Amino acid sequence: MNILAGDKLQIQWDEEARDFAPAGTKNGAPTFTIISLDYFTAQAVLGNEEDDAKVRACITAGLVSVEGADCDAAKWLEAPRAQMVNPLFHAIWQHTWGN
């Protein structure tokens, strides 16, 4: 068991499921690399009063890269595809807390 946060996980968008899944399927979707948040960063995310601020803080801290697309993580954060935002938040949060 790793006792430090920051474990990387590669996920891919599944268009049929409208959700992220572990990377590896050859569906042509870009691979998103996320990391687990440390406790203090996760608490700072929760400290935001507005839901959109929580989501933005979580994704900003947890999204490392977007590969296989014409954008990187910073560009994706500027103009994310709306249907991917909450599932990405959920993937990072689940990777952080393990539930």
N, C-alpha and C. Protein backbone atom coordinates (compact mmCIF):
# COMPACT_ATOMS: atom_id res chain seq x y z
N MET A 1 0.84 -1.19 0.00
CA MET A 1 0.00 0.00 0.00
C MET A 1 0.88 1.24 0.00
N ASN A 2 0.58 2.16 -0.89
CA ASN A 2 1.29 3.42 -0.93
C ASN A 2 0.66 4.36 0.09
N ILE A 3 1.47 4.97 0.93
CA ILE A 3 0.94 5.86 1.96
C ILE A 3 0.95 7.33 1.52
N LEU A 4 1.44 7.60 0.32
CA LEU A 4 1.48 8.96 -0.18
C LEU A 4 0.44 9.17 -1.28
N ALA A 5 -0.11 10.36 -1.32
CA ALA A 5 -1.05 10.71 -2.39
C ALA A 5 -0.27 10.96 -3.68
N GLY A 6 -0.99 11.12 -4.75
CA GLY A 6 -0.36 11.43 -6.03
C GLY A 6 -0.24 10.25 -6.96
N ASP A 7 -0.92 9.14 -6.64
CA ASP A 7 -0.90 7.99 -7.53
C ASP A 7 -1.57 8.38 -8.84
N LYS A 8 -0.92 8.04 -9.95
CA LYS A 8 -1.49 8.34 -11.26
C LYS A 8 -2.42 7.22 -11.71
N LEU A 9 -3.44 7.61 -12.47
CA LEU A 9 -4.38 6.66 -13.06
C LEU A 9 -4.74 7.18 -14.44
N GLN A 10 -4.72 6.31 -15.43
CA GLN A 10 -5.11 6.70 -16.78
C GLN A 10 -6.53 6.20 -17.04
N ILE A 11 -7.35 7.12 -17.51
CA ILE A 11 -8.75 6.83 -17.80
C ILE A 11 -9.08 7.32 -19.21
N GLN A 12 -10.14 6.77 -19.77
CA GLN A 12 -10.60 7.15 -21.11
C GLN A 12 -12.09 7.38 -21.08
N TRP A 13 -12.54 8.31 -21.92
CA TRP A 13 -13.96 8.58 -22.04
C TRP A 13 -14.62 7.45 -22.82
N ASP A 14 -15.72 6.93 -22.28
CA ASP A 14 -16.52 5.91 -22.95
C ASP A 14 -17.79 6.61 -23.44
N GLU A 15 -17.87 6.81 -24.74
CA GLU A 15 -18.99 7.57 -25.32
C GLU A 15 -20.34 6.90 -25.07
N GLU A 16 -20.39 5.58 -25.13
CA GLU A 16 -21.65 4.86 -24.90
C GLU A 16 -22.13 5.02 -23.46
N ALA A 17 -21.22 4.83 -22.53
CA ALA A 17 -21.56 4.91 -21.11
C ALA A 17 -21.66 6.35 -20.62
N ARG A 18 -21.11 7.29 -21.40
CA ARG A 18 -21.04 8.69 -20.99
C ARG A 18 -20.34 8.83 -19.64
N ASP A 19 -19.21 8.11 -19.53
CA ASP A 19 -18.44 8.08 -18.29
C ASP A 19 -17.00 7.73 -18.60
N PHE A 20 -16.13 7.93 -17.63
CA PHE A 20 -14.74 7.52 -17.78
C PHE A 20 -14.57 6.10 -17.29
N ALA A 21 -13.64 5.39 -17.92
CA ALA A 21 -13.31 4.01 -17.55
C ALA A 21 -11.79 3.87 -17.58
N PRO A 22 -11.26 2.84 -16.95
CA PRO A 22 -9.82 2.64 -17.02
C PRO A 22 -9.35 2.61 -18.48
N ALA A 23 -8.22 3.25 -18.75
CA ALA A 23 -7.68 3.31 -20.11
C ALA A 23 -7.28 1.92 -20.56
N GLY A 24 -7.23 1.77 -21.86
CA GLY A 24 -6.80 0.50 -22.43
C GLY A 24 -7.65 0.05 -23.58
N THR A 25 -8.86 0.54 -23.64
CA THR A 25 -9.71 0.17 -24.77
C THR A 25 -9.28 0.99 -25.98
N LYS A 26 -9.34 0.41 -27.11
CA LYS A 26 -8.95 1.08 -28.35
C LYS A 26 -10.17 1.75 -28.98
N ASN A 27 -10.75 2.72 -28.26
CA ASN A 27 -11.95 3.37 -28.77
C ASN A 27 -11.65 4.72 -29.41
N GLY A 28 -10.38 5.07 -29.52
CA GLY A 28 -9.99 6.32 -30.15
C GLY A 28 -10.12 7.54 -29.27
N ALA A 29 -10.60 7.35 -28.06
CA ALA A 29 -10.75 8.48 -27.14
C ALA A 29 -9.40 8.82 -26.52
N PRO A 30 -9.17 10.10 -26.24
CA PRO A 30 -7.92 10.47 -25.58
C PRO A 30 -7.84 9.90 -24.17
N THR A 31 -6.62 9.69 -23.73
CA THR A 31 -6.37 9.20 -22.38
C THR A 31 -6.15 10.39 -21.46
N PHE A 32 -6.89 10.42 -20.37
CA PHE A 32 -6.73 11.44 -19.35
C PHE A 32 -5.91 10.82 -18.22
N THR A 33 -4.88 11.51 -17.77
CA THR A 33 -4.11 11.05 -16.62
C THR A 33 -4.51 11.90 -15.43
N ILE A 34 -4.94 11.23 -14.36
CA ILE A 34 -5.34 11.92 -13.14
C ILE A 34 -4.48 11.43 -11.99
N ILE A 35 -4.46 12.20 -10.91
CA ILE A 35 -3.75 11.78 -9.70
C ILE A 35 -4.70 11.85 -8.52
N SER A 36 -4.39 11.06 -7.50
CA SER A 36 -5.15 11.15 -6.26
C SER A 36 -4.69 12.40 -5.51
N LEU A 37 -5.64 13.10 -4.92
CA LEU A 37 -5.34 14.31 -4.17
C LEU A 37 -4.85 13.97 -2.78
N ASP A 38 -3.98 14.80 -2.25
CA ASP A 38 -3.60 14.61 -0.85
C ASP A 38 -4.73 15.11 0.04
N TYR A 39 -4.68 14.75 1.29
CA TYR A 39 -5.74 15.08 2.24
C TYR A 39 -6.03 16.58 2.29
N PHE A 40 -4.98 17.39 2.36
CA PHE A 40 -5.16 18.83 2.53
C PHE A 40 -5.75 19.47 1.29
N THR A 41 -5.36 19.00 0.12
CA THR A 41 -5.94 19.50 -1.12
C THR A 41 -7.41 19.09 -1.21
N ALA A 42 -7.71 17.86 -0.83
CA ALA A 42 -9.10 17.39 -0.84
C ALA A 42 -9.95 18.21 0.12
N GLN A 43 -9.42 18.55 1.27
CA GLN A 43 -10.16 19.37 2.22
C GLN A 43 -10.36 20.78 1.68
N ALA A 44 -9.37 21.32 0.96
CA ALA A 44 -9.51 22.64 0.34
C ALA A 44 -10.61 22.61 -0.72
N VAL A 45 -10.70 21.51 -1.46
CA VAL A 45 -11.78 21.35 -2.45
C VAL A 45 -13.12 21.42 -1.73
N LEU A 46 -13.26 20.68 -0.65
CA LEU A 46 -14.51 20.67 0.11
C LEU A 46 -14.82 22.01 0.75
N GLY A 47 -13.80 22.83 0.98
CA GLY A 47 -13.99 24.14 1.60
C GLY A 47 -14.67 25.16 0.70
N ASN A 48 -14.76 24.87 -0.57
CA ASN A 48 -15.46 25.77 -1.49
C ASN A 48 -16.96 25.70 -1.23
N GLU A 49 -17.61 26.84 -1.19
CA GLU A 49 -19.03 26.87 -0.91
C GLU A 49 -19.88 26.48 -2.11
N GLU A 50 -19.49 26.91 -3.28
CA GLU A 50 -20.27 26.64 -4.50
C GLU A 50 -19.82 25.33 -5.14
N ASP A 51 -20.78 24.57 -5.64
CA ASP A 51 -20.48 23.27 -6.25
C ASP A 51 -19.53 23.41 -7.44
N ASP A 52 -19.75 24.43 -8.28
CA ASP A 52 -18.88 24.57 -9.44
C ASP A 52 -17.45 24.89 -9.03
N ALA A 53 -17.27 25.59 -7.93
CA ALA A 53 -15.92 25.88 -7.42
C ALA A 53 -15.26 24.60 -6.91
N LYS A 54 -16.04 23.73 -6.27
CA LYS A 54 -15.50 22.45 -5.81
C LYS A 54 -15.04 21.61 -7.00
N VAL A 55 -15.87 21.54 -8.03
CA VAL A 55 -15.55 20.75 -9.21
C VAL A 55 -14.31 21.30 -9.89
N ARG A 56 -14.25 22.61 -10.08
CA ARG A 56 -13.10 23.24 -10.72
C ARG A 56 -11.82 23.00 -9.92
N ALA A 57 -11.88 23.17 -8.61
CA ALA A 57 -10.69 22.98 -7.77
C ALA A 57 -10.20 21.53 -7.82
N CYS A 58 -11.13 20.60 -7.79
CA CYS A 58 -10.78 19.18 -7.83
C CYS A 58 -10.12 18.82 -9.16
N ILE A 59 -10.73 19.25 -10.26
CA ILE A 59 -10.18 18.90 -11.57
C ILE A 59 -8.85 19.62 -11.81
N THR A 60 -8.74 20.86 -11.37
CA THR A 60 -7.49 21.60 -11.53
C THR A 60 -6.35 20.90 -10.80
N ALA A 61 -6.62 20.39 -9.62
CA ALA A 61 -5.58 19.72 -8.84
C ALA A 61 -5.33 18.29 -9.30
N GLY A 62 -6.35 17.64 -9.85
CA GLY A 62 -6.23 16.22 -10.14
C GLY A 62 -5.98 15.82 -11.58
N LEU A 63 -6.19 16.73 -12.54
CA LEU A 63 -5.97 16.39 -13.94
C LEU A 63 -4.53 16.72 -14.31
N VAL A 64 -3.78 15.71 -14.71
CA VAL A 64 -2.37 15.88 -15.04
C VAL A 64 -2.18 16.14 -16.52
N SER A 65 -2.81 15.32 -17.37
CA SER A 65 -2.61 15.49 -18.81
C SER A 65 -3.76 14.88 -19.59
N VAL A 66 -3.87 15.35 -20.82
CA VAL A 66 -4.80 14.79 -21.79
C VAL A 66 -3.96 14.46 -23.02
N GLU A 67 -3.89 13.19 -23.33
CA GLU A 67 -3.06 12.75 -24.45
C GLU A 67 -3.93 12.32 -25.63
N GLY A 68 -3.35 12.30 -26.78
CA GLY A 68 -4.07 11.82 -27.95
C GLY A 68 -5.10 12.77 -28.48
N ALA A 69 -5.03 14.02 -28.04
CA ALA A 69 -5.98 15.02 -28.52
C ALA A 69 -5.20 16.28 -28.85
N ASP A 70 -5.88 17.23 -29.44
CA ASP A 70 -5.23 18.48 -29.80
C ASP A 70 -5.21 19.46 -28.63
N CYS A 71 -5.30 18.96 -27.43
CA CYS A 71 -5.27 19.85 -26.28
C CYS A 71 -4.51 19.19 -25.13
N ASP A 72 -4.10 20.00 -24.20
CA ASP A 72 -3.48 19.48 -23.00
C ASP A 72 -4.42 19.77 -21.83
N ALA A 73 -3.99 19.46 -20.62
CA ALA A 73 -4.86 19.62 -19.46
C ALA A 73 -5.30 21.08 -19.27
N ALA A 74 -4.38 22.01 -19.43
CA ALA A 74 -4.73 23.43 -19.23
C ALA A 74 -5.76 23.90 -20.24
N LYS A 75 -5.61 23.50 -21.50
CA LYS A 75 -6.59 23.89 -22.51
C LYS A 75 -7.94 23.24 -22.23
N TRP A 76 -7.93 21.99 -21.79
CA TRP A 76 -9.19 21.31 -21.49
C TRP A 76 -9.90 22.02 -20.34
N LEU A 77 -9.13 22.46 -19.34
CA LEU A 77 -9.72 23.16 -18.21
C LEU A 77 -10.35 24.49 -18.62
N GLU A 78 -9.82 25.11 -19.65
CA GLU A 78 -10.38 26.38 -20.12
C GLU A 78 -11.72 26.19 -20.82
N ALA A 79 -11.87 25.07 -21.51
CA ALA A 79 -13.10 24.85 -22.30
C ALA A 79 -13.45 23.36 -22.30
N PRO A 80 -13.84 22.83 -21.14
CA PRO A 80 -14.15 21.40 -21.08
C PRO A 80 -15.47 21.06 -21.76
N ARG A 81 -15.53 19.87 -22.28
CA ARG A 81 -16.79 19.36 -22.84
C ARG A 81 -17.73 19.15 -21.65
N ALA A 82 -18.89 19.76 -21.68
CA ALA A 82 -19.78 19.81 -20.53
C ALA A 82 -20.12 18.43 -19.96
N GLN A 83 -20.42 17.47 -20.82
CA GLN A 83 -20.84 16.16 -20.31
C GLN A 83 -19.70 15.38 -19.65
N MET A 84 -18.45 15.85 -19.81
CA MET A 84 -17.31 15.14 -19.23
C MET A 84 -16.92 15.68 -17.85
N VAL A 85 -17.39 16.86 -17.49
CA VAL A 85 -16.92 17.53 -16.28
C VAL A 85 -17.26 16.76 -15.01
N ASN A 86 -18.53 16.50 -14.77
CA ASN A 86 -18.90 15.79 -13.54
C ASN A 86 -18.34 14.38 -13.48
N PRO A 87 -18.34 13.61 -14.57
CA PRO A 87 -17.70 12.30 -14.52
C PRO A 87 -16.20 12.37 -14.21
N LEU A 88 -15.51 13.40 -14.72
CA LEU A 88 -14.08 13.54 -14.42
C LEU A 88 -13.88 13.88 -12.95
N PHE A 89 -14.70 14.80 -12.44
CA PHE A 89 -14.67 15.11 -11.01
C PHE A 89 -14.85 13.83 -10.19
N HIS A 90 -15.84 13.06 -10.55
CA HIS A 90 -16.13 11.82 -9.83
C HIS A 90 -14.95 10.85 -9.90
N ALA A 91 -14.34 10.72 -11.07
CA ALA A 91 -13.20 9.81 -11.22
C ALA A 91 -12.03 10.23 -10.33
N ILE A 92 -11.75 11.52 -10.27
CA ILE A 92 -10.66 12.02 -9.42
C ILE A 92 -11.00 11.81 -7.96
N TRP A 93 -12.23 12.14 -7.59
CA TRP A 93 -12.66 12.00 -6.19
C TRP A 93 -12.63 10.54 -5.76
N GLN A 94 -13.09 9.65 -6.61
CA GLN A 94 -13.09 8.22 -6.30
C GLN A 94 -11.66 7.70 -6.19
N HIS A 95 -10.79 8.16 -7.07
CA HIS A 95 -9.37 7.76 -7.03
C HIS A 95 -8.71 8.28 -5.75
N THR A 96 -9.15 9.43 -5.27
CA THR A 96 -8.58 10.02 -4.06
C THR A 96 -9.03 9.26 -2.81
N TRP A 97 -10.33 9.02 -2.71
CA TRP A 97 -10.88 8.44 -1.49
C TRP A 97 -11.09 6.92 -1.57
N GLY A 98 -11.07 6.39 -2.77
CA GLY A 98 -11.19 4.93 -2.91
C GLY A 98 -12.57 4.37 -2.66
N ASN A 99 -13.58 5.18 -2.86
CA ASN A 99 -14.96 4.67 -2.69
C ASN A 99 -15.87 5.20 -3.74
